[in-house]
Amino acid sequence: EAKRRAKEATQGVLDSIKWLANLDAVLVVMDSTIDPYTQVNITILGNLEARNIPFLVVANKIDLPTSDPDRIKQAFPDKSFVSISAKDGQNIDLLYEKLFDMVMS
């Protein structure tokens, strides 16, 4: 089961990378309750950087008690970053501002 899930995840990342050529900007949304140091995150961010596609790292679920958005910010310290709660709308205005600034620059 673990091998099958890993294979599916790898295929999903590969499929996502194929779409990168058609993108102007990307929101990389991460769950702030889990460790951001994953092969998927590193692969996606590396591909975005290699293709010079602007992206914003978004730490979601900051409404949860186990949330640690600083862990994500520390994992990717030189990246544009915002922490939000999609559930309750916290910092969504800031997300829109950063996204607007990113695509307009």
N, C-alpha and C. Protein backbone atom coordinates (compact mmCIF):
# COMPACT_ATOMS: atom_id res chain seq x y z
N GLU A 1 0.83 -1.20 0.00
CA GLU A 1 0.00 0.00 0.00
C GLU A 1 0.87 1.26 0.00
N ALA A 2 1.92 1.26 0.81
CA ALA A 2 2.80 2.44 0.88
C ALA A 2 3.49 2.69 -0.46
N LYS A 3 3.91 1.61 -1.12
CA LYS A 3 4.57 1.76 -2.42
C LYS A 3 3.60 2.34 -3.46
N ARG A 4 2.37 1.86 -3.43
CA ARG A 4 1.37 2.35 -4.37
C ARG A 4 1.11 3.84 -4.14
N ARG A 5 0.96 4.23 -2.88
CA ARG A 5 0.70 5.64 -2.56
C ARG A 5 1.87 6.52 -2.96
N ALA A 6 3.09 6.03 -2.72
CA ALA A 6 4.28 6.80 -3.10
C ALA A 6 4.35 6.98 -4.61
N LYS A 7 4.01 5.91 -5.34
CA LYS A 7 4.03 5.98 -6.80
C LYS A 7 2.99 6.98 -7.30
N GLU A 8 1.80 6.96 -6.71
CA GLU A 8 0.75 7.90 -7.10
C GLU A 8 1.16 9.34 -6.79
N ALA A 9 1.78 9.54 -5.63
CA ALA A 9 2.22 10.89 -5.26
C ALA A 9 3.29 11.39 -6.23
N THR A 10 4.22 10.52 -6.56
CA THR A 10 5.28 10.89 -7.51
C THR A 10 4.68 11.24 -8.86
N GLN A 11 3.73 10.47 -9.32
CA GLN A 11 3.09 10.75 -10.60
C GLN A 11 2.35 12.08 -10.55
N GLY A 12 1.71 12.36 -9.42
CA GLY A 12 1.01 13.64 -9.26
C GLY A 12 1.95 14.82 -9.35
N VAL A 13 3.12 14.70 -8.74
CA VAL A 13 4.12 15.77 -8.81
C VAL A 13 4.60 15.94 -10.25
N LEU A 14 4.88 14.83 -10.92
CA LEU A 14 5.33 14.90 -12.32
C LEU A 14 4.27 15.55 -13.21
N ASP A 15 3.01 15.19 -12.99
CA ASP A 15 1.93 15.80 -13.77
C ASP A 15 1.86 17.31 -13.51
N SER A 16 2.03 17.70 -12.24
CA SER A 16 1.99 19.12 -11.89
C SER A 16 3.12 19.89 -12.56
N ILE A 17 4.31 19.29 -12.59
CA ILE A 17 5.46 19.95 -13.20
C ILE A 17 5.22 20.21 -14.68
N LYS A 18 4.53 19.31 -15.36
CA LYS A 18 4.24 19.49 -16.78
C LYS A 18 3.42 20.75 -17.03
N TRP A 19 2.57 21.11 -16.08
CA TRP A 19 1.70 22.28 -16.25
C TRP A 19 2.43 23.59 -16.00
N LEU A 20 3.62 23.54 -15.41
CA LEU A 20 4.32 24.77 -15.03
C LEU A 20 4.59 25.69 -16.21
N ALA A 21 4.79 25.16 -17.38
CA ALA A 21 5.11 25.99 -18.54
C ALA A 21 3.98 26.96 -18.88
N ASN A 22 2.78 26.67 -18.44
CA ASN A 22 1.61 27.49 -18.78
C ASN A 22 1.20 28.46 -17.68
N LEU A 23 2.01 28.61 -16.64
CA LEU A 23 1.61 29.40 -15.48
C LEU A 23 2.34 30.73 -15.41
N ASP A 24 1.63 31.75 -14.95
CA ASP A 24 2.23 33.06 -14.73
C ASP A 24 2.71 33.23 -13.30
N ALA A 25 2.05 32.56 -12.37
CA ALA A 25 2.39 32.63 -10.95
C ALA A 25 1.74 31.43 -10.25
N VAL A 26 2.29 31.10 -9.07
CA VAL A 26 1.80 29.92 -8.35
C VAL A 26 1.67 30.24 -6.87
N LEU A 27 0.58 29.77 -6.27
CA LEU A 27 0.43 29.74 -4.82
C LEU A 27 0.78 28.33 -4.37
N VAL A 28 1.80 28.21 -3.53
CA VAL A 28 2.19 26.91 -2.99
C VAL A 28 1.63 26.84 -1.58
N VAL A 29 0.49 26.17 -1.44
CA VAL A 29 -0.22 26.12 -0.17
C VAL A 29 0.25 24.91 0.62
N MET A 30 0.70 25.17 1.86
CA MET A 30 1.20 24.11 2.73
C MET A 30 0.38 24.09 4.01
N ASP A 31 0.19 22.91 4.54
CA ASP A 31 -0.50 22.70 5.81
C ASP A 31 0.46 23.07 6.93
N SER A 32 0.14 24.10 7.70
CA SER A 32 1.05 24.58 8.75
C SER A 32 1.08 23.69 9.99
N THR A 33 0.32 22.60 9.96
CA THR A 33 0.35 21.67 11.10
C THR A 33 1.30 20.51 10.86
N ILE A 34 1.89 20.43 9.67
CA ILE A 34 2.81 19.32 9.38
C ILE A 34 4.16 19.84 8.92
N ASP A 35 5.14 18.98 8.96
CA ASP A 35 6.52 19.32 8.60
C ASP A 35 6.60 19.72 7.12
N PRO A 36 7.14 20.90 6.82
CA PRO A 36 7.22 21.35 5.43
C PRO A 36 8.37 20.71 4.64
N TYR A 37 9.28 20.05 5.34
CA TYR A 37 10.44 19.46 4.65
C TYR A 37 10.05 18.13 4.02
N THR A 38 9.37 18.22 2.87
CA THR A 38 8.99 17.01 2.13
C THR A 38 9.62 17.06 0.75
N GLN A 39 9.80 15.90 0.17
CA GLN A 39 10.36 15.83 -1.18
C GLN A 39 9.45 16.54 -2.18
N VAL A 40 8.14 16.44 -1.96
CA VAL A 40 7.19 17.10 -2.86
C VAL A 40 7.40 18.62 -2.83
N ASN A 41 7.44 19.20 -1.64
CA ASN A 41 7.63 20.65 -1.53
C ASN A 41 8.94 21.09 -2.15
N ILE A 42 10.00 20.39 -1.85
CA ILE A 42 11.32 20.75 -2.36
C ILE A 42 11.36 20.62 -3.88
N THR A 43 10.76 19.57 -4.42
CA THR A 43 10.73 19.36 -5.87
C THR A 43 9.94 20.46 -6.57
N ILE A 44 8.76 20.76 -6.05
CA ILE A 44 7.92 21.78 -6.68
C ILE A 44 8.59 23.16 -6.63
N LEU A 45 9.09 23.55 -5.45
CA LEU A 45 9.72 24.86 -5.34
C LEU A 45 10.98 24.94 -6.21
N GLY A 46 11.74 23.86 -6.26
CA GLY A 46 12.93 23.84 -7.12
C GLY A 46 12.59 24.02 -8.58
N ASN A 47 11.53 23.37 -9.02
CA ASN A 47 11.09 23.51 -10.42
C ASN A 47 10.57 24.91 -10.71
N LEU A 48 9.85 25.49 -9.78
CA LEU A 48 9.38 26.87 -9.97
C LEU A 48 10.55 27.82 -10.10
N GLU A 49 11.54 27.66 -9.22
CA GLU A 49 12.72 28.53 -9.28
C GLU A 49 13.48 28.34 -10.59
N ALA A 50 13.66 27.09 -11.00
CA ALA A 50 14.40 26.79 -12.22
C ALA A 50 13.74 27.40 -13.45
N ARG A 51 12.43 27.53 -13.41
CA ARG A 51 11.68 28.08 -14.55
C ARG A 51 11.39 29.57 -14.39
N ASN A 52 11.90 30.16 -13.30
CA ASN A 52 11.68 31.58 -13.02
C ASN A 52 10.20 31.95 -12.96
N ILE A 53 9.40 31.05 -12.39
CA ILE A 53 7.98 31.32 -12.21
C ILE A 53 7.79 31.90 -10.81
N PRO A 54 7.21 33.09 -10.70
CA PRO A 54 6.99 33.66 -9.38
C PRO A 54 6.02 32.81 -8.57
N PHE A 55 6.32 32.68 -7.28
CA PHE A 55 5.42 31.91 -6.42
C PHE A 55 5.38 32.50 -5.02
N LEU A 56 4.30 32.20 -4.35
CA LEU A 56 4.07 32.64 -2.98
C LEU A 56 3.83 31.41 -2.13
N VAL A 57 4.61 31.27 -1.06
CA VAL A 57 4.42 30.16 -0.13
C VAL A 57 3.33 30.57 0.85
N VAL A 58 2.29 29.75 0.96
CA VAL A 58 1.14 30.05 1.80
C VAL A 58 1.02 28.98 2.88
N ALA A 59 1.15 29.39 4.14
CA ALA A 59 0.96 28.48 5.27
C ALA A 59 -0.51 28.55 5.66
N ASN A 60 -1.24 27.47 5.44
CA ASN A 60 -2.68 27.42 5.73
C ASN A 60 -2.92 26.73 7.08
N LYS A 61 -4.13 26.84 7.56
CA LYS A 61 -4.61 26.22 8.79
C LYS A 61 -4.05 26.87 10.05
N ILE A 62 -3.81 28.19 10.00
CA ILE A 62 -3.27 28.85 11.19
C ILE A 62 -4.31 28.98 12.30
N ASP A 63 -5.55 28.59 12.01
CA ASP A 63 -6.60 28.60 13.02
C ASP A 63 -6.50 27.40 13.96
N LEU A 64 -5.69 26.40 13.61
CA LEU A 64 -5.59 25.19 14.42
C LEU A 64 -4.54 25.34 15.51
N PRO A 65 -4.78 24.72 16.67
CA PRO A 65 -3.83 24.87 17.79
C PRO A 65 -2.44 24.30 17.51
N THR A 66 -2.33 23.32 16.63
CA THR A 66 -1.02 22.72 16.33
C THR A 66 -0.31 23.41 15.16
N SER A 67 -0.88 24.51 14.70
CA SER A 67 -0.30 25.25 13.58
C SER A 67 1.05 25.85 13.97
N ASP A 68 1.99 25.79 13.05
CA ASP A 68 3.31 26.40 13.26
C ASP A 68 3.79 27.01 11.93
N PRO A 69 3.20 28.14 11.53
CA PRO A 69 3.58 28.74 10.25
C PRO A 69 5.04 29.18 10.22
N ASP A 70 5.61 29.49 11.38
CA ASP A 70 7.03 29.88 11.41
C ASP A 70 7.93 28.76 10.93
N ARG A 71 7.52 27.52 11.15
CA ARG A 71 8.31 26.38 10.69
C ARG A 71 8.41 26.40 9.16
N ILE A 72 7.32 26.76 8.50
CA ILE A 72 7.33 26.85 7.04
C ILE A 72 8.18 28.04 6.60
N LYS A 73 8.01 29.17 7.27
CA LYS A 73 8.79 30.36 6.93
C LYS A 73 10.28 30.09 7.11
N GLN A 74 10.65 29.38 8.17
CA GLN A 74 12.06 29.05 8.41
C GLN A 74 12.58 28.03 7.40
N ALA A 75 11.71 27.16 6.92
CA ALA A 75 12.13 26.15 5.93
C ALA A 75 12.46 26.80 4.59
N PHE A 76 11.77 27.88 4.28
CA PHE A 76 11.96 28.57 2.99
C PHE A 76 12.13 30.07 3.25
N PRO A 77 13.21 30.46 3.94
CA PRO A 77 13.34 31.82 4.45
C PRO A 77 13.44 32.93 3.40
N ASP A 78 13.90 32.61 2.22
CA ASP A 78 14.07 33.65 1.21
C ASP A 78 12.92 33.71 0.21
N LYS A 79 11.82 33.06 0.56
CA LYS A 79 10.65 33.02 -0.33
C LYS A 79 9.57 33.98 0.17
N SER A 80 8.79 34.49 -0.77
CA SER A 80 7.64 35.31 -0.40
C SER A 80 6.65 34.42 0.36
N PHE A 81 6.12 34.92 1.47
CA PHE A 81 5.39 34.07 2.41
C PHE A 81 4.20 34.81 3.01
N VAL A 82 3.13 34.07 3.26
CA VAL A 82 1.99 34.58 4.01
C VAL A 82 1.35 33.40 4.74
N SER A 83 0.83 33.66 5.94
CA SER A 83 0.11 32.61 6.67
C SER A 83 -1.36 32.98 6.72
N ILE A 84 -2.22 31.97 6.51
CA ILE A 84 -3.66 32.22 6.41
C ILE A 84 -4.45 31.11 7.11
N SER A 85 -5.72 31.39 7.27
CA SER A 85 -6.70 30.35 7.58
C SER A 85 -7.77 30.45 6.49
N ALA A 86 -7.77 29.49 5.59
CA ALA A 86 -8.79 29.47 4.54
C ALA A 86 -10.17 29.25 5.16
N LYS A 87 -10.19 28.53 6.27
CA LYS A 87 -11.46 28.21 6.92
C LYS A 87 -12.16 29.45 7.48
N ASP A 88 -11.42 30.28 8.22
CA ASP A 88 -12.06 31.45 8.83
C ASP A 88 -11.71 32.77 8.15
N GLY A 89 -10.91 32.72 7.08
CA GLY A 89 -10.62 33.92 6.31
C GLY A 89 -9.50 34.79 6.86
N GLN A 90 -8.82 34.34 7.88
CA GLN A 90 -7.75 35.13 8.49
C GLN A 90 -6.62 35.37 7.48
N ASN A 91 -6.22 36.63 7.33
CA ASN A 91 -5.13 37.08 6.46
C ASN A 91 -5.40 36.89 4.96
N ILE A 92 -6.62 36.64 4.58
CA ILE A 92 -6.93 36.46 3.16
C ILE A 92 -6.68 37.76 2.39
N ASP A 93 -7.00 38.90 3.00
CA ASP A 93 -6.72 40.18 2.35
C ASP A 93 -5.23 40.34 2.08
N LEU A 94 -4.40 39.93 3.05
CA LEU A 94 -2.95 40.00 2.87
C LEU A 94 -2.50 39.06 1.75
N LEU A 95 -3.10 37.89 1.67
CA LEU A 95 -2.79 36.96 0.59
C LEU A 95 -3.09 37.60 -0.76
N TYR A 96 -4.25 38.22 -0.89
CA TYR A 96 -4.61 38.89 -2.15
C TYR A 96 -3.63 40.01 -2.49
N GLU A 97 -3.24 40.79 -1.48
CA GLU A 97 -2.28 41.87 -1.70
C GLU A 97 -0.95 41.33 -2.21
N LYS A 98 -0.45 40.29 -1.55
CA LYS A 98 0.84 39.72 -1.96
C LYS A 98 0.76 39.10 -3.35
N LEU A 99 -0.35 38.44 -3.63
CA LEU A 99 -0.54 37.84 -4.95
C LEU A 99 -0.59 38.94 -6.02
N PHE A 100 -1.33 40.00 -5.76
CA PHE A 100 -1.42 41.11 -6.70
C PHE A 100 -0.04 41.72 -6.94
N ASP A 101 0.70 41.97 -5.85
CA ASP A 101 2.04 42.54 -5.98
C ASP A 101 2.95 41.63 -6.80
N MET A 102 2.82 40.33 -6.58
CA MET A 102 3.67 39.36 -7.27
C MET A 102 3.41 39.36 -8.77
N VAL A 103 2.15 39.35 -9.17
CA VAL A 103 1.85 39.27 -10.60
C VAL A 103 2.04 40.62 -11.30
N MET A 104 2.02 41.71 -10.56
CA MET A 104 2.18 43.03 -11.17
C MET A 104 3.65 43.44 -11.27
N SER A 105 4.54 42.72 -10.61
CA SER A 105 5.96 43.12 -10.66
C SER A 105 6.71 42.43 -11.77
